[in-house]
């Protein structure tokens, strides 16, 4: 099916009016999109010469239209994902089939560190913290518990390490849910925190631990 310039412009405007694109500041993507819309709107069959030229330009406009929509989705999607992370909307620390004990997870994290896989070291390093807390009955290892929730519970048991655990949780979320590439420094900090928590004596709790 062939669509005209006016219809192509209308479709793009409708796409950009969807709620997924709300709340963002004007960026160079917005300006580029507007420029494309104006260009498509300027196309008129009576000013394009031969039918062959008109058809070629029309298909070019359609390709540009699709490319702009894809680029807008990519450009707007990541900031919205960051906003969800800022609001604490993340998933669980463990995959459903991850039943490794804390010692095995920690060893996998150290192996990743030696191999230079900093992101894997961060992920397994924090998972070792979480699983270790569960094995010691300090913070219940609840399926679906988020990194921030686990850090909040752990802070009551290890107040001295609370800041480091919270920082490790933030690093975990950034790597897992924002695809941020971890650095060697970040990986070592998470593993150092895992060792500190594993070897520390828990503070006396005045209230019982509750599921994270």
C-alpha atoms as a PDB file:
ATOM      1  CA  UNK A   1       0.000   0.000   0.000  1.00  0.00           C
ATOM      2  CA  UNK A   2       1.364   3.428  -0.958  1.00  0.00           C
ATOM      3  CA  UNK A   3       0.700   6.398   1.288  1.00  0.00           C
ATOM      4  CA  UNK A   4       1.024  10.048   0.439  1.00  0.00           C
ATOM      5  CA  UNK A   5       3.176  12.659   2.173  1.00  0.00           C
ATOM      6  CA  UNK A   6       0.251  14.073   4.151  1.00  0.00           C
ATOM      7  CA  UNK A   7      -0.722  10.610   5.408  1.00  0.00           C
ATOM      8  CA  UNK A   8       2.909   9.839   6.332  1.00  0.00           C
ATOM      9  CA  UNK A   9       3.118  13.063   8.292  1.00  0.00           C
ATOM     10  CA  UNK A  10      -0.169  12.344  10.047  1.00  0.00           C
ATOM     11  CA  UNK A  11       1.024   8.853  11.048  1.00  0.00           C
ATOM     12  CA  UNK A  12       4.279  10.185  12.458  1.00  0.00           C
ATOM     13  CA  UNK A  13       2.504  12.928  14.394  1.00  0.00           C
ATOM     14  CA  UNK A  14       0.114  10.342  15.846  1.00  0.00           C
ATOM     15  CA  UNK A  15       3.061   8.150  16.878  1.00  0.00           C
ATOM     16  CA  UNK A  16       4.840  11.028  18.581  1.00  0.00           C
ATOM     17  CA  UNK A  17       1.685  11.972  20.492  1.00  0.00           C
ATOM     18  CA  UNK A  18       1.641   8.640  22.359  1.00  0.00           C
ATOM     19  CA  UNK A  19       2.053   8.755  26.145  1.00  0.00           C
ATOM     20  CA  UNK A  20       5.401   6.974  25.951  1.00  0.00           C
ATOM     21  CA  UNK A  21       6.927  10.198  24.653  1.00  0.00           C
ATOM     22  CA  UNK A  22       5.492  12.492  27.331  1.00  0.00           C
ATOM     23  CA  UNK A  23       7.543  14.285  29.922  1.00  0.00           C
ATOM     24  CA  UNK A  24      10.786  14.663  27.988  1.00  0.00           C
ATOM     25  CA  UNK A  25      12.553  17.945  27.383  1.00  0.00           C
ATOM     26  CA  UNK A  26      13.066  19.206  23.856  1.00  0.00           C
ATOM     27  CA  UNK A  27      16.188  17.597  22.464  1.00  0.00           C
ATOM     28  CA  UNK A  28      17.973  17.512  19.150  1.00  0.00           C
ATOM     29  CA  UNK A  29      15.882  14.412  18.370  1.00  0.00           C
ATOM     30  CA  UNK A  30      12.748  16.527  18.730  1.00  0.00           C
ATOM     31  CA  UNK A  31      14.146  19.189  16.438  1.00  0.00           C
ATOM     32  CA  UNK A  32      15.227  16.585  13.882  1.00  0.00           C
ATOM     33  CA  UNK A  33      11.794  14.949  13.998  1.00  0.00           C
ATOM     34  CA  UNK A  34      10.106  18.290  13.433  1.00  0.00           C
ATOM     35  CA  UNK A  35      12.416  19.012  10.490  1.00  0.00           C
ATOM     36  CA  UNK A  36      11.498  15.663   8.919  1.00  0.00           C
ATOM     37  CA  UNK A  37       7.805  16.355   9.448  1.00  0.00           C
ATOM     38  CA  UNK A  38       8.116  19.734   7.765  1.00  0.00           C
ATOM     39  CA  UNK A  39      10.032  18.192   4.872  1.00  0.00           C
ATOM     40  CA  UNK A  40       7.430  15.471   4.364  1.00  0.00           C
ATOM     41  CA  UNK A  41       4.692  18.081   4.512  1.00  0.00           C
ATOM     42  CA  UNK A  42       6.451  20.111   1.817  1.00  0.00           C
ATOM     43  CA  UNK A  43       6.314  17.228  -0.668  1.00  0.00           C
ATOM     44  CA  UNK A  44       3.582  17.751  -3.243  1.00  0.00           C
ATOM     45  CA  UNK A  45       2.985  15.618  -6.283  1.00  0.00           C
ATOM     46  CA  UNK A  46       2.594  18.639  -8.562  1.00  0.00           C
ATOM     47  CA  UNK A  47       6.072  19.863  -7.713  1.00  0.00           C
ATOM     48  CA  UNK A  48       8.020  16.639  -8.059  1.00  0.00           C
ATOM     49  CA  UNK A  49       8.244  16.311 -11.805  1.00  0.00           C
ATOM     50  CA  UNK A  50       7.769  12.865 -13.297  1.00  0.00           C
ATOM     51  CA  UNK A  51       5.772  10.102 -11.530  1.00  0.00           C
ATOM     52  CA  UNK A  52       8.973   8.063 -11.148  1.00  0.00           C
ATOM     53  CA  UNK A  53      10.693  10.875  -9.270  1.00  0.00           C
ATOM     54  CA  UNK A  54       7.613  11.385  -7.120  1.00  0.00           C
ATOM     55  CA  UNK A  55       7.470   7.691  -6.206  1.00  0.00           C
ATOM     56  CA  UNK A  56      11.180   7.583  -5.389  1.00  0.00           C
ATOM     57  CA  UNK A  57      10.927  10.585  -3.106  1.00  0.00           C
ATOM     58  CA  UNK A  58       7.818   9.174  -1.470  1.00  0.00           C
ATOM     59  CA  UNK A  59       9.530   5.909  -0.599  1.00  0.00           C
ATOM     60  CA  UNK A  60      12.535   7.854   0.661  1.00  0.00           C
ATOM     61  CA  UNK A  61      10.191   9.807   2.924  1.00  0.00           C
ATOM     62  CA  UNK A  62       8.654   6.583   4.248  1.00  0.00           C
ATOM     63  CA  UNK A  63      12.098   5.135   5.030  1.00  0.00           C
ATOM     64  CA  UNK A  64      13.096   8.351   6.805  1.00  0.00           C
ATOM     65  CA  UNK A  65       9.786   8.275   8.689  1.00  0.00           C
ATOM     66  CA  UNK A  66      10.426   4.766   9.999  1.00  0.00           C
ATOM     67  CA  UNK A  67      14.024   5.624  10.906  1.00  0.00           C
ATOM     68  CA  UNK A  68      12.953   8.698  12.859  1.00  0.00           C
ATOM     69  CA  UNK A  69      10.331   6.760  14.820  1.00  0.00           C
ATOM     70  CA  UNK A  70      12.884   4.080  15.717  1.00  0.00           C
ATOM     71  CA  UNK A  71      15.471   6.657  16.755  1.00  0.00           C
ATOM     72  CA  UNK A  72      12.941   8.558  18.863  1.00  0.00           C
ATOM     73  CA  UNK A  73      11.927   5.352  20.640  1.00  0.00           C
ATOM     74  CA  UNK A  74      15.575   4.528  21.364  1.00  0.00           C
ATOM     75  CA  UNK A  75      16.421   8.065  22.453  1.00  0.00           C
ATOM     76  CA  UNK A  76      13.370   8.433  24.692  1.00  0.00           C
ATOM     77  CA  UNK A  77      13.352   4.887  26.042  1.00  0.00           C
ATOM     78  CA  UNK A  78      16.633   5.042  27.937  1.00  0.00           C
ATOM     79  CA  UNK A  79      15.824   8.240  29.903  1.00  0.00           C
ATOM     80  CA  UNK A  80      12.430   6.779  30.855  1.00  0.00           C
ATOM     81  CA  UNK A  81      14.167   3.616  32.013  1.00  0.00           C
ATOM     82  CA  UNK A  82      16.521   5.745  34.111  1.00  0.00           C
ATOM     83  CA  UNK A  83      13.497   7.521  35.597  1.00  0.00           C
ATOM     84  CA  UNK A  84      11.987   4.179  36.597  1.00  0.00           C
ATOM     85  CA  UNK A  85      15.292   3.219  38.216  1.00  0.00           C
ATOM     86  CA  UNK A  86      15.330   6.501  40.157  1.00  0.00           C
ATOM     87  CA  UNK A  87      11.875   5.644  41.449  1.00  0.00           C
ATOM     88  CA  UNK A  88      13.098   2.256  42.633  1.00  0.00           C
ATOM     89  CA  UNK A  89      11.207   0.306  39.957  1.00  0.00           C
ATOM     90  CA  UNK A  90      13.620  -2.563  39.333  1.00  0.00           C
ATOM     91  CA  UNK A  91      13.363  -6.316  39.247  1.00  0.00           C
ATOM     92  CA  UNK A  92      14.720  -8.996  41.511  1.00  0.00           C
ATOM     93  CA  UNK A  93      18.354  -9.719  42.227  1.00  0.00           C
ATOM     94  CA  UNK A  94      18.168 -13.390  41.264  1.00  0.00           C
ATOM     95  CA  UNK A  95      16.964 -15.163  38.168  1.00  0.00           C
ATOM     96  CA  UNK A  96      14.296 -17.766  38.889  1.00  0.00           C
ATOM     97  CA  UNK A  97      16.655 -20.684  38.230  1.00  0.00           C
ATOM     98  CA  UNK A  98      19.626 -19.313  40.175  1.00  0.00           C
ATOM     99  CA  UNK A  99      19.921 -21.666  43.157  1.00  0.00           C
ATOM    100  CA  UNK A 100      23.670 -21.325  43.741  1.00  0.00           C
ATOM    101  CA  UNK A 101      24.878 -21.074  47.339  1.00  0.00           C
ATOM    102  CA  UNK A 102      26.584 -17.869  48.400  1.00  0.00           C
ATOM    103  CA  UNK A 103      30.034 -19.468  48.333  1.00  0.00           C
ATOM    104  CA  UNK A 104      29.600 -20.566  44.713  1.00  0.00           C
ATOM    105  CA  UNK A 105      28.264 -17.174  43.655  1.00  0.00           C
ATOM    106  CA  UNK A 106      31.188 -15.410  45.340  1.00  0.00           C
ATOM    107  CA  UNK A 107      33.656 -17.714  43.602  1.00  0.00           C
ATOM    108  CA  UNK A 108      32.004 -17.017  40.259  1.00  0.00           C
ATOM    109  CA  UNK A 109      32.290 -13.293  40.981  1.00  0.00           C
ATOM    110  CA  UNK A 110      35.999 -13.596  41.768  1.00  0.00           C
ATOM    111  CA  UNK A 111      36.541 -15.670  38.624  1.00  0.00           C
ATOM    112  CA  UNK A 112      34.803 -12.957  36.585  1.00  0.00           C
ATOM    113  CA  UNK A 113      37.043 -10.339  38.186  1.00  0.00           C
ATOM    114  CA  UNK A 114      40.160 -12.304  37.267  1.00  0.00           C
ATOM    115  CA  UNK A 115      38.853 -12.665  33.717  1.00  0.00           C
ATOM    116  CA  UNK A 116      38.234  -8.939  33.419  1.00  0.00           C
ATOM    117  CA  UNK A 117      34.446  -9.308  33.215  1.00  0.00           C
ATOM    118  CA  UNK A 118      33.698  -6.405  35.552  1.00  0.00           C
ATOM    119  CA  UNK A 119      29.948  -6.392  34.960  1.00  0.00           C
ATOM    120  CA  UNK A 120      29.580 -10.080  35.774  1.00  0.00           C
ATOM    121  CA  UNK A 121      31.735  -9.561  38.868  1.00  0.00           C
ATOM    122  CA  UNK A 122      29.392  -6.791  40.038  1.00  0.00           C
ATOM    123  CA  UNK A 123      26.250  -8.835  39.457  1.00  0.00           C
ATOM    124  CA  UNK A 124      27.491 -12.019  41.107  1.00  0.00           C
ATOM    125  CA  UNK A 125      29.249 -10.054  43.831  1.00  0.00           C
ATOM    126  CA  UNK A 126      26.004  -8.474  44.964  1.00  0.00           C
ATOM    127  CA  UNK A 127      24.115 -11.728  44.553  1.00  0.00           C
ATOM    128  CA  UNK A 128      26.657 -13.338  46.878  1.00  0.00           C
ATOM    129  CA  UNK A 129      25.884 -10.635  49.439  1.00  0.00           C
ATOM    130  CA  UNK A 130      22.152 -11.228  49.146  1.00  0.00           C
ATOM    131  CA  UNK A 131      22.350 -15.019  49.208  1.00  0.00           C
ATOM    132  CA  UNK A 132      24.794 -14.948  52.113  1.00  0.00           C
ATOM    133  CA  UNK A 133      22.425 -12.794  54.152  1.00  0.00           C
ATOM    134  CA  UNK A 134      19.657 -15.279  53.457  1.00  0.00           C
ATOM    135  CA  UNK A 135      21.766 -18.300  54.394  1.00  0.00           C
ATOM    136  CA  UNK A 136      22.635 -16.651  57.707  1.00  0.00           C
ATOM    137  CA  UNK A 137      18.945 -15.915  58.369  1.00  0.00           C
ATOM    138  CA  UNK A 138      19.736 -12.218  58.601  1.00  0.00           C
ATOM    139  CA  UNK A 139      17.698 -11.035  55.618  1.00  0.00           C
ATOM    140  CA  UNK A 140      15.168 -13.498  54.194  1.00  0.00           C
ATOM    141  CA  UNK A 141      16.110 -14.570  50.685  1.00  0.00           C
ATOM    142  CA  UNK A 142      12.716 -13.757  49.209  1.00  0.00           C
ATOM    143  CA  UNK A 143      12.156 -14.452  45.498  1.00  0.00           C
ATOM    144  CA  UNK A 144      11.867 -11.188  43.586  1.00  0.00           C
ATOM    145  CA  UNK A 145      13.526  -9.059  46.280  1.00  0.00           C
ATOM    146  CA  UNK A 146      15.204  -5.997  44.753  1.00  0.00           C
ATOM    147  CA  UNK A 147      18.766  -4.902  45.403  1.00  0.00           C
ATOM    148  CA  UNK A 148      17.615  -1.733  47.182  1.00  0.00           C
ATOM    149  CA  UNK A 149      15.193  -3.650  49.388  1.00  0.00           C
ATOM    150  CA  UNK A 150      17.891  -6.110  50.414  1.00  0.00           C
ATOM    151  CA  UNK A 151      20.290  -3.251  51.130  1.00  0.00           C
ATOM    152  CA  UNK A 152      17.699  -1.544  53.311  1.00  0.00           C
ATOM    153  CA  UNK A 153      17.172  -4.691  55.390  1.00  0.00           C
ATOM    154  CA  UNK A 154      20.910  -5.380  55.582  1.00  0.00           C
ATOM    155  CA  UNK A 155      21.568  -1.865  56.885  1.00  0.00           C
ATOM    156  CA  UNK A 156      19.683  -2.734  60.077  1.00  0.00           C
ATOM    157  CA  UNK A 157      21.882  -5.754  60.655  1.00  0.00           C
ATOM    158  CA  UNK A 158      25.177  -4.222  59.528  1.00  0.00           C
ATOM    159  CA  UNK A 159      24.866  -0.470  60.197  1.00  0.00           C
ATOM    160  CA  UNK A 160      28.616   0.049  59.842  1.00  0.00           C
ATOM    161  CA  UNK A 161      28.529  -1.352  56.305  1.00  0.00           C
ATOM    162  CA  UNK A 162      25.195   0.229  55.367  1.00  0.00           C
ATOM    163  CA  UNK A 163      26.644   2.862  53.021  1.00  0.00           C
ATOM    164  CA  UNK A 164      28.812   0.332  51.193  1.00  0.00           C
ATOM    165  CA  UNK A 165      25.932  -2.108  50.790  1.00  0.00           C
ATOM    166  CA  UNK A 166      23.659   0.628  49.450  1.00  0.00           C
ATOM    167  CA  UNK A 167      26.352   1.702  46.991  1.00  0.00           C
ATOM    168  CA  UNK A 168      26.771  -1.903  45.860  1.00  0.00           C
ATOM    169  CA  UNK A 169      22.997  -2.134  45.326  1.00  0.00           C
ATOM    170  CA  UNK A 170      23.012   1.006  43.177  1.00  0.00           C
ATOM    171  CA  UNK A 171      25.911  -0.351  41.131  1.00  0.00           C
ATOM    172  CA  UNK A 172      24.069  -3.668  40.677  1.00  0.00           C
ATOM    173  CA  UNK A 173      20.929  -1.911  39.422  1.00  0.00           C
ATOM    174  CA  UNK A 174      22.901   0.259  37.005  1.00  0.00           C
ATOM    175  CA  UNK A 175      24.687  -2.733  35.505  1.00  0.00           C
ATOM    176  CA  UNK A 176      21.682  -5.047  35.341  1.00  0.00           C
ATOM    177  CA  UNK A 177      18.853  -2.665  34.473  1.00  0.00           C
ATOM    178  CA  UNK A 178      20.572   0.219  32.675  1.00  0.00           C
ATOM    179  CA  UNK A 179      23.233  -1.769  30.830  1.00  0.00           C
ATOM    180  CA  UNK A 180      25.954   0.400  32.357  1.00  0.00           C
ATOM    181  CA  UNK A 181      29.370  -1.169  31.809  1.00  0.00           C
ATOM    182  CA  UNK A 182      31.009  -1.728  35.179  1.00  0.00           C
ATOM    183  CA  UNK A 183      34.573  -0.625  35.824  1.00  0.00           C
ATOM    184  CA  UNK A 184      37.254  -2.635  37.550  1.00  0.00           C
ATOM    185  CA  UNK A 185      37.058  -0.248  40.500  1.00  0.00           C
ATOM    186  CA  UNK A 186      33.303  -0.791  40.843  1.00  0.00           C
ATOM    187  CA  UNK A 187      33.705  -4.569  40.646  1.00  0.00           C
ATOM    188  CA  UNK A 188      36.382  -4.605  43.322  1.00  0.00           C
ATOM    189  CA  UNK A 189      34.294  -2.368  45.584  1.00  0.00           C
ATOM    190  CA  UNK A 190      31.340  -4.755  45.365  1.00  0.00           C
ATOM    191  CA  UNK A 191      33.545  -7.774  46.088  1.00  0.00           C
ATOM    192  CA  UNK A 192      35.217  -5.967  48.982  1.00  0.00           C
ATOM    193  CA  UNK A 193      31.764  -5.221  50.366  1.00  0.00           C
ATOM    194  CA  UNK A 194      30.789  -8.875  49.970  1.00  0.00           C
ATOM    195  CA  UNK A 195      33.859  -9.936  51.962  1.00  0.00           C
ATOM    196  CA  UNK A 196      33.234  -7.299  54.635  1.00  0.00           C
ATOM    197  CA  UNK A 197      29.600  -8.354  55.102  1.00  0.00           C
ATOM    198  CA  UNK A 198      30.452 -12.059  55.058  1.00  0.00           C
ATOM    199  CA  UNK A 199      33.090 -11.683  57.781  1.00  0.00           C
ATOM    200  CA  UNK A 200      31.322  -9.081  59.938  1.00  0.00           C
ATOM    201  CA  UNK A 201      29.345  -9.847  63.064  1.00  0.00           C
ATOM    202  CA  UNK A 202      25.741  -8.682  62.787  1.00  0.00           C
ATOM    203  CA  UNK A 203      24.541  -6.008  65.157  1.00  0.00           C
ATOM    204  CA  UNK A 204      21.967  -6.964  67.749  1.00  0.00           C
ATOM    205  CA  UNK A 205      18.568  -6.517  66.144  1.00  0.00           C
ATOM    206  CA  UNK A 206      15.827  -4.955  68.236  1.00  0.00           C
ATOM    207  CA  UNK A 207      13.183  -5.968  65.734  1.00  0.00           C
ATOM    208  CA  UNK A 208      12.906  -9.191  63.781  1.00  0.00           C
ATOM    209  CA  UNK A 209      13.989  -9.240  60.162  1.00  0.00           C
ATOM    210  CA  UNK A 210      11.144  -9.017  57.691  1.00  0.00           C
ATOM    211  CA  UNK A 211      11.021 -10.187  54.100  1.00  0.00           C
ATOM    212  CA  UNK A 212      12.676  -7.859  51.609  1.00  0.00           C
END
